[in-house]
Amino acid sequence: LQHHSGLFKWERKVRIFLCLFGFVLSIYALHVELSRERNPDYRALCDLGESVSCSKVFTSRWGRGFGLVQFFVAKDSPLNQPNSVLGIIFYTLQMALGLSVSKKAAMLLVFSSWVSVAGSLYLASILAFVLGDFCMVCVSTYIINFALLFTNLKRRSAIEEMKEKAG
């Protein structure tokens, strides 16, 4: 357990940093999207030019429900939430599950991380090949999601190792 307490301290600090950063970026993305919907002339701090614009990305059809949910429900359905709302939920879940040292929590952390990384790769390809845009907020969240996956994989293997030694 002594060997692992070092990992968990390191892991806790990294998790708190990544989750808070992701949470703040998601809140900001939601703010930008809602501000832009209310006022089409709104310019966000992350709008640096024609092809470097986060508000263009957030207000595109891919900015809600990954652009996929609208095929199953009405565009303005409560089920078709902005991606940033999903981000807020994801980072909150990552933070909360990170408090538990159970094997189940570790598995859920890893699984939800793989889902977020798949979503990040999908949205990154839309960003690059469909929208032809660079969104600093988006790319930052993709990096955070990959870092969380790495952190969660490390955590899971440490927990499995701990349980094997104890069992």
C-alpha atoms as a PDB file:
ATOM      1  CA  LEU A   1       0.000   0.000   0.000  1.00  0.00           C
ATOM      2  CA  GLN A   2       2.934   2.320   0.760  1.00  0.00           C
ATOM      3  CA  HIS A   3       4.194   2.124  -2.827  1.00  0.00           C
ATOM      4  CA  HIS A   4       0.711   2.972  -4.106  1.00  0.00           C
ATOM      5  CA  SER A   5       0.018   5.923  -1.797  1.00  0.00           C
ATOM      6  CA  GLY A   6       2.639   7.849  -3.813  1.00  0.00           C
ATOM      7  CA  LEU A   7       0.819   7.043  -7.049  1.00  0.00           C
ATOM      8  CA  PHE A   8      -2.537   8.017  -5.604  1.00  0.00           C
ATOM      9  CA  LYS A   9      -1.188  11.370  -4.337  1.00  0.00           C
ATOM     10  CA  TRP A  10       0.282  12.139  -7.758  1.00  0.00           C
ATOM     11  CA  GLU A  11      -2.826  10.826  -9.461  1.00  0.00           C
ATOM     12  CA  ARG A  12      -5.179  12.864  -7.245  1.00  0.00           C
ATOM     13  CA  LYS A  13      -3.331  16.120  -8.013  1.00  0.00           C
ATOM     14  CA  VAL A  14      -3.290  15.411 -11.741  1.00  0.00           C
ATOM     15  CA  ARG A  15      -6.979  14.395 -11.714  1.00  0.00           C
ATOM     16  CA  ILE A  16      -8.044  17.540  -9.834  1.00  0.00           C
ATOM     17  CA  PHE A  17      -6.063  19.733 -12.240  1.00  0.00           C
ATOM     18  CA  LEU A  18      -7.389  18.004 -15.389  1.00  0.00           C
ATOM     19  CA  CYS A  19     -11.008  17.842 -14.195  1.00  0.00           C
ATOM     20  CA  LEU A  20     -11.087  21.463 -13.036  1.00  0.00           C
ATOM     21  CA  PHE A  21      -9.457  22.639 -16.268  1.00  0.00           C
ATOM     22  CA  GLY A  22     -11.893  20.567 -18.350  1.00  0.00           C
ATOM     23  CA  PHE A  23     -14.842  21.754 -16.245  1.00  0.00           C
ATOM     24  CA  VAL A  24     -13.856  25.433 -16.639  1.00  0.00           C
ATOM     25  CA  LEU A  25     -13.358  25.010 -20.411  1.00  0.00           C
ATOM     26  CA  SER A  26     -16.773  23.313 -20.677  1.00  0.00           C
ATOM     27  CA  ILE A  27     -18.470  26.118 -18.722  1.00  0.00           C
ATOM     28  CA  TYR A  28     -16.723  28.660 -20.963  1.00  0.00           C
ATOM     29  CA  ALA A  29     -17.808  26.789 -24.118  1.00  0.00           C
ATOM     30  CA  LEU A  30     -21.399  26.756 -22.870  1.00  0.00           C
ATOM     31  CA  HIS A  31     -21.181  30.497 -22.087  1.00  0.00           C
ATOM     32  CA  VAL A  32     -19.842  31.234 -25.597  1.00  0.00           C
ATOM     33  CA  GLU A  33     -22.530  29.117 -27.269  1.00  0.00           C
ATOM     34  CA  LEU A  34     -25.404  30.652 -25.291  1.00  0.00           C
ATOM     35  CA  SER A  35     -24.029  34.199 -25.750  1.00  0.00           C
ATOM     36  CA  ARG A  36     -23.709  33.639 -29.489  1.00  0.00           C
ATOM     37  CA  GLU A  37     -27.268  32.249 -29.707  1.00  0.00           C
ATOM     38  CA  ARG A  38     -28.604  35.360 -27.916  1.00  0.00           C
ATOM     39  CA  ASN A  39     -26.419  37.780 -29.870  1.00  0.00           C
ATOM     40  CA  PRO A  40     -25.063  36.711 -33.293  1.00  0.00           C
ATOM     41  CA  ASP A  41     -22.528  39.593 -33.118  1.00  0.00           C
ATOM     42  CA  TYR A  42     -20.996  38.242 -29.886  1.00  0.00           C
ATOM     43  CA  ARG A  43     -17.233  37.720 -30.223  1.00  0.00           C
ATOM     44  CA  ALA A  44     -15.606  35.254 -27.872  1.00  0.00           C
ATOM     45  CA  LEU A  45     -12.024  35.529 -26.623  1.00  0.00           C
ATOM     46  CA  CYS A  46     -11.280  32.290 -28.486  1.00  0.00           C
ATOM     47  CA  ASP A  47     -12.440  33.759 -31.842  1.00  0.00           C
ATOM     48  CA  LEU A  48      -9.130  34.827 -33.328  1.00  0.00           C
ATOM     49  CA  GLY A  49     -10.028  34.755 -37.003  1.00  0.00           C
ATOM     50  CA  GLU A  50     -12.075  33.167 -39.753  1.00  0.00           C
ATOM     51  CA  SER A  51     -10.489  29.720 -39.387  1.00  0.00           C
ATOM     52  CA  VAL A  52      -9.621  30.030 -35.697  1.00  0.00           C
ATOM     53  CA  SER A  53     -13.051  30.372 -34.158  1.00  0.00           C
ATOM     54  CA  CYS A  54     -14.522  28.434 -31.276  1.00  0.00           C
ATOM     55  CA  SER A  55     -17.985  30.031 -31.433  1.00  0.00           C
ATOM     56  CA  LYS A  56     -18.310  28.911 -35.069  1.00  0.00           C
ATOM     57  CA  VAL A  57     -17.616  25.353 -33.880  1.00  0.00           C
ATOM     58  CA  PHE A  58     -19.856  25.469 -30.782  1.00  0.00           C
ATOM     59  CA  THR A  59     -22.814  26.775 -32.790  1.00  0.00           C
ATOM     60  CA  SER A  60     -22.340  24.294 -35.657  1.00  0.00           C
ATOM     61  CA  ARG A  61     -24.604  21.249 -35.776  1.00  0.00           C
ATOM     62  CA  TRP A  62     -21.726  19.182 -34.286  1.00  0.00           C
ATOM     63  CA  GLY A  63     -21.716  21.444 -31.209  1.00  0.00           C
ATOM     64  CA  ARG A  64     -24.832  19.692 -29.874  1.00  0.00           C
ATOM     65  CA  GLY A  65     -25.131  15.971 -29.284  1.00  0.00           C
ATOM     66  CA  PHE A  66     -21.984  15.483 -31.410  1.00  0.00           C
ATOM     67  CA  GLY A  67     -24.147  16.303 -34.452  1.00  0.00           C
ATOM     68  CA  LEU A  68     -25.673  12.818 -34.149  1.00  0.00           C
ATOM     69  CA  VAL A  69     -28.486  13.157 -31.608  1.00  0.00           C
ATOM     70  CA  GLN A  70     -30.546  15.324 -33.992  1.00  0.00           C
ATOM     71  CA  PHE A  71     -31.034  12.274 -36.229  1.00  0.00           C
ATOM     72  CA  PHE A  72     -33.006  10.602 -33.427  1.00  0.00           C
ATOM     73  CA  VAL A  73     -34.786  13.479 -31.672  1.00  0.00           C
ATOM     74  CA  ALA A  74     -35.898  17.007 -32.595  1.00  0.00           C
ATOM     75  CA  LYS A  75     -33.063  19.527 -32.941  1.00  0.00           C
ATOM     76  CA  ASP A  76     -34.429  21.515 -29.969  1.00  0.00           C
ATOM     77  CA  SER A  77     -35.139  18.414 -27.849  1.00  0.00           C
ATOM     78  CA  PRO A  78     -33.830  18.452 -24.259  1.00  0.00           C
ATOM     79  CA  LEU A  79     -31.913  15.295 -25.246  1.00  0.00           C
ATOM     80  CA  ASN A  80     -29.890  17.272 -27.819  1.00  0.00           C
ATOM     81  CA  GLN A  81     -27.615  19.059 -25.350  1.00  0.00           C
ATOM     82  CA  PRO A  82     -24.546  21.155 -26.188  1.00  0.00           C
ATOM     83  CA  ASN A  83     -21.377  19.034 -26.083  1.00  0.00           C
ATOM     84  CA  SER A  84     -20.149  21.362 -23.330  1.00  0.00           C
ATOM     85  CA  VAL A  85     -22.973  20.131 -21.043  1.00  0.00           C
ATOM     86  CA  LEU A  86     -21.754  16.561 -21.653  1.00  0.00           C
ATOM     87  CA  GLY A  87     -18.255  17.808 -20.779  1.00  0.00           C
ATOM     88  CA  ILE A  88     -19.472  19.315 -17.506  1.00  0.00           C
ATOM     89  CA  ILE A  89     -21.125  15.979 -16.609  1.00  0.00           C
ATOM     90  CA  PHE A  90     -18.051  13.977 -17.697  1.00  0.00           C
ATOM     91  CA  TYR A  91     -15.502  16.016 -15.684  1.00  0.00           C
ATOM     92  CA  THR A  92     -17.783  15.998 -12.622  1.00  0.00           C
ATOM     93  CA  LEU A  93     -18.124  12.198 -12.931  1.00  0.00           C
ATOM     94  CA  GLN A  94     -14.347  11.801 -13.342  1.00  0.00           C
ATOM     95  CA  MET A  95     -13.751  13.880 -10.219  1.00  0.00           C
ATOM     96  CA  ALA A  96     -16.390  12.053  -8.131  1.00  0.00           C
ATOM     97  CA  LEU A  97     -15.359   8.539  -9.215  1.00  0.00           C
ATOM     98  CA  GLY A  98     -11.735   9.479  -8.578  1.00  0.00           C
ATOM     99  CA  LEU A  99     -12.566   9.713  -4.865  1.00  0.00           C
ATOM    100  CA  SER A 100     -13.252   5.973  -4.733  1.00  0.00           C
ATOM    101  CA  VAL A 101     -10.465   3.391  -4.642  1.00  0.00           C
ATOM    102  CA  SER A 102     -12.784   0.573  -5.735  1.00  0.00           C
ATOM    103  CA  LYS A 103     -12.070  -1.617  -8.727  1.00  0.00           C
ATOM    104  CA  LYS A 104     -15.563  -0.852 -10.115  1.00  0.00           C
ATOM    105  CA  ALA A 105     -14.933   2.906  -9.975  1.00  0.00           C
ATOM    106  CA  ALA A 106     -11.571   2.402 -11.707  1.00  0.00           C
ATOM    107  CA  MET A 107     -13.248   0.365 -14.479  1.00  0.00           C
ATOM    108  CA  LEU A 108     -15.924   3.044 -14.924  1.00  0.00           C
ATOM    109  CA  LEU A 109     -13.256   5.771 -15.057  1.00  0.00           C
ATOM    110  CA  VAL A 110     -11.370   3.896 -17.772  1.00  0.00           C
ATOM    111  CA  PHE A 111     -14.528   3.075 -19.741  1.00  0.00           C
ATOM    112  CA  SER A 112     -15.849   6.652 -19.654  1.00  0.00           C
ATOM    113  CA  SER A 113     -12.366   7.888 -20.619  1.00  0.00           C
ATOM    114  CA  TRP A 114     -12.293   5.632 -23.689  1.00  0.00           C
ATOM    115  CA  VAL A 115     -15.726   7.014 -24.663  1.00  0.00           C
ATOM    116  CA  SER A 116     -14.472  10.593 -24.228  1.00  0.00           C
ATOM    117  CA  VAL A 117     -11.346   9.872 -26.290  1.00  0.00           C
ATOM    118  CA  ALA A 118     -13.472   8.320 -29.064  1.00  0.00           C
ATOM    119  CA  GLY A 119     -15.668  11.435 -28.958  1.00  0.00           C
ATOM    120  CA  SER A 120     -12.575  13.649 -29.044  1.00  0.00           C
ATOM    121  CA  LEU A 121     -11.164  11.845 -32.101  1.00  0.00           C
ATOM    122  CA  TYR A 122     -14.541  12.082 -33.848  1.00  0.00           C
ATOM    123  CA  LEU A 123     -14.914  15.807 -33.087  1.00  0.00           C
ATOM    124  CA  ALA A 124     -11.271  16.515 -33.973  1.00  0.00           C
ATOM    125  CA  SER A 125     -11.824  14.956 -37.403  1.00  0.00           C
ATOM    126  CA  ILE A 126     -14.995  17.062 -37.888  1.00  0.00           C
ATOM    127  CA  LEU A 127     -13.003  20.125 -36.831  1.00  0.00           C
ATOM    128  CA  ALA A 128     -10.169  19.431 -39.258  1.00  0.00           C
ATOM    129  CA  PHE A 129     -11.927  17.903 -42.268  1.00  0.00           C
ATOM    130  CA  VAL A 130     -15.499  19.247 -42.188  1.00  0.00           C
ATOM    131  CA  LEU A 131     -15.341  22.653 -40.516  1.00  0.00           C
ATOM    132  CA  GLY A 132     -11.717  23.383 -41.463  1.00  0.00           C
ATOM    133  CA  ASP A 133     -11.397  25.297 -38.223  1.00  0.00           C
ATOM    134  CA  PHE A 134      -9.013  25.404 -35.283  1.00  0.00           C
ATOM    135  CA  CYS A 135     -10.711  25.668 -31.899  1.00  0.00           C
ATOM    136  CA  MET A 136      -8.284  26.142 -28.996  1.00  0.00           C
ATOM    137  CA  VAL A 137     -10.933  25.276 -26.405  1.00  0.00           C
ATOM    138  CA  CYS A 138     -11.853  22.069 -28.260  1.00  0.00           C
ATOM    139  CA  VAL A 139      -8.261  20.940 -28.775  1.00  0.00           C
ATOM    140  CA  SER A 140      -7.498  21.660 -25.100  1.00  0.00           C
ATOM    141  CA  THR A 141     -10.374  19.406 -24.007  1.00  0.00           C
ATOM    142  CA  TYR A 142      -9.158  16.637 -26.358  1.00  0.00           C
ATOM    143  CA  ILE A 143      -5.714  16.819 -24.701  1.00  0.00           C
ATOM    144  CA  ILE A 144      -7.316  16.737 -21.240  1.00  0.00           C
ATOM    145  CA  ASN A 145      -9.391  13.677 -22.242  1.00  0.00           C
ATOM    146  CA  PHE A 146      -6.291  11.802 -23.436  1.00  0.00           C
ATOM    147  CA  ALA A 147      -4.418  12.761 -20.239  1.00  0.00           C
ATOM    148  CA  LEU A 148      -7.370  11.540 -18.130  1.00  0.00           C
ATOM    149  CA  LEU A 149      -7.383   8.228 -20.013  1.00  0.00           C
ATOM    150  CA  PHE A 150      -3.668   7.792 -19.277  1.00  0.00           C
ATOM    151  CA  THR A 151      -4.227   8.712 -15.603  1.00  0.00           C
ATOM    152  CA  ASN A 152      -7.180   6.313 -15.316  1.00  0.00           C
ATOM    153  CA  LEU A 153      -5.281   3.413 -16.918  1.00  0.00           C
ATOM    154  CA  LYS A 154      -2.410   3.956 -14.441  1.00  0.00           C
ATOM    155  CA  ARG A 155      -4.901   4.083 -11.575  1.00  0.00           C
ATOM    156  CA  ARG A 156      -6.702   0.912 -12.653  1.00  0.00           C
ATOM    157  CA  SER A 157      -3.503  -1.110 -12.882  1.00  0.00           C
ATOM    158  CA  ALA A 158      -2.352   0.180  -9.463  1.00  0.00           C
ATOM    159  CA  ILE A 159      -5.703  -0.793  -7.903  1.00  0.00           C
ATOM    160  CA  GLU A 160      -5.598  -4.248  -9.536  1.00  0.00           C
ATOM    161  CA  GLU A 161      -2.044  -4.758  -8.295  1.00  0.00           C
ATOM    162  CA  MET A 162      -3.057  -3.633  -4.797  1.00  0.00           C
ATOM    163  CA  LYS A 163      -6.032  -6.028  -4.725  1.00  0.00           C
ATOM    164  CA  GLU A 164      -3.845  -8.938  -5.921  1.00  0.00           C
ATOM    165  CA  LYS A 165      -1.303  -8.317  -3.137  1.00  0.00           C
ATOM    166  CA  ALA A 166      -4.074  -7.976  -0.528  1.00  0.00           C
ATOM    167  CA  GLY A 167      -6.060 -10.948  -1.836  1.00  0.00           C
END
